[in-house]
Amino acid sequence: MSQAQILSLLLALSSALNIAITAALIARRSSAGTANALLTGAGAAATFLGLYFAAVAAYQ
């Protein structure tokens, strides 16, 4: 892997982690249980990574 690909992957993971934490905190704040908030965050991260990798695949 080239350095640009590694940095792009790290950017995607960092962004997904930020989105997951934000979604989980919002879900928890809106009185969802801890387990439901974690699942919400994980779903948001998975959706973001799916969209990101689909865009990368379409670009190449």
Protein backbone atom coordinates (compact mmCIF):
# COMPACT_ATOMS: atom_id res chain seq x y z
CA MET A 1 0.00 0.00 0.00
CA SER A 2 1.19 3.48 -0.74
CA GLN A 3 1.46 6.19 1.87
CA ALA A 4 -1.52 8.02 0.38
CA GLN A 5 -3.72 4.92 0.67
CA ILE A 6 -2.72 4.40 4.30
CA LEU A 7 -3.45 8.03 5.14
CA SER A 8 -6.79 7.81 3.35
CA LEU A 9 -7.69 4.72 5.36
CA LEU A 10 -6.72 6.43 8.61
CA LEU A 11 -8.84 9.44 7.66
CA ALA A 12 -11.82 7.18 7.00
CA LEU A 13 -11.40 5.38 10.31
CA SER A 14 -11.00 8.64 12.22
CA SER A 15 -14.11 10.11 10.62
CA ALA A 16 -16.10 6.94 11.27
CA LEU A 17 -15.06 6.96 14.91
CA ASN A 18 -16.11 10.60 15.30
CA ILE A 19 -19.47 9.89 13.67
CA ALA A 20 -20.01 6.79 15.82
CA ILE A 21 -19.26 8.61 19.06
CA THR A 22 -21.47 11.54 18.11
CA ALA A 23 -24.37 9.27 17.13
CA ALA A 24 -24.02 7.22 20.31
CA LEU A 25 -23.93 10.32 22.51
CA ILE A 26 -26.98 11.78 20.80
CA ALA A 27 -28.86 8.49 21.14
CA ARG A 28 -27.85 8.20 24.81
CA ARG A 29 -28.87 11.80 25.45
CA SER A 30 -32.29 11.13 23.98
CA SER A 31 -32.86 8.53 26.74
CA ALA A 32 -31.97 5.40 24.79
CA GLY A 33 -30.32 2.60 26.72
CA THR A 34 -26.57 2.17 26.62
CA ALA A 35 -26.77 -0.93 24.42
CA ASN A 36 -29.09 0.79 21.95
CA ALA A 37 -26.85 3.85 21.87
CA LEU A 38 -23.80 1.69 21.11
CA LEU A 39 -25.66 -0.12 18.35
CA THR A 40 -26.76 3.21 16.91
CA GLY A 41 -23.17 4.45 16.89
CA ALA A 42 -21.90 1.25 15.33
CA GLY A 43 -24.56 1.42 12.65
CA ALA A 44 -23.67 5.00 11.86
CA ALA A 45 -19.97 4.11 11.60
CA ALA A 46 -20.67 1.11 9.37
CA THR A 47 -22.89 3.19 7.11
CA PHE A 48 -20.25 5.90 6.82
CA LEU A 49 -17.49 3.42 6.02
CA GLY A 50 -19.69 1.71 3.44
CA LEU A 51 -20.38 4.99 1.70
CA TYR A 52 -16.73 6.04 1.91
CA PHE A 53 -15.39 2.82 0.44
CA ALA A 54 -18.08 2.81 -2.27
CA ALA A 55 -17.00 6.31 -3.25
CA VAL A 56 -13.35 5.28 -3.31
CA ALA A 57 -14.17 2.25 -5.44
CA ALA A 58 -16.19 4.38 -7.87
CA TYR A 59 -13.40 6.93 -8.09
CA GLN A 60 -10.77 4.37 -9.03
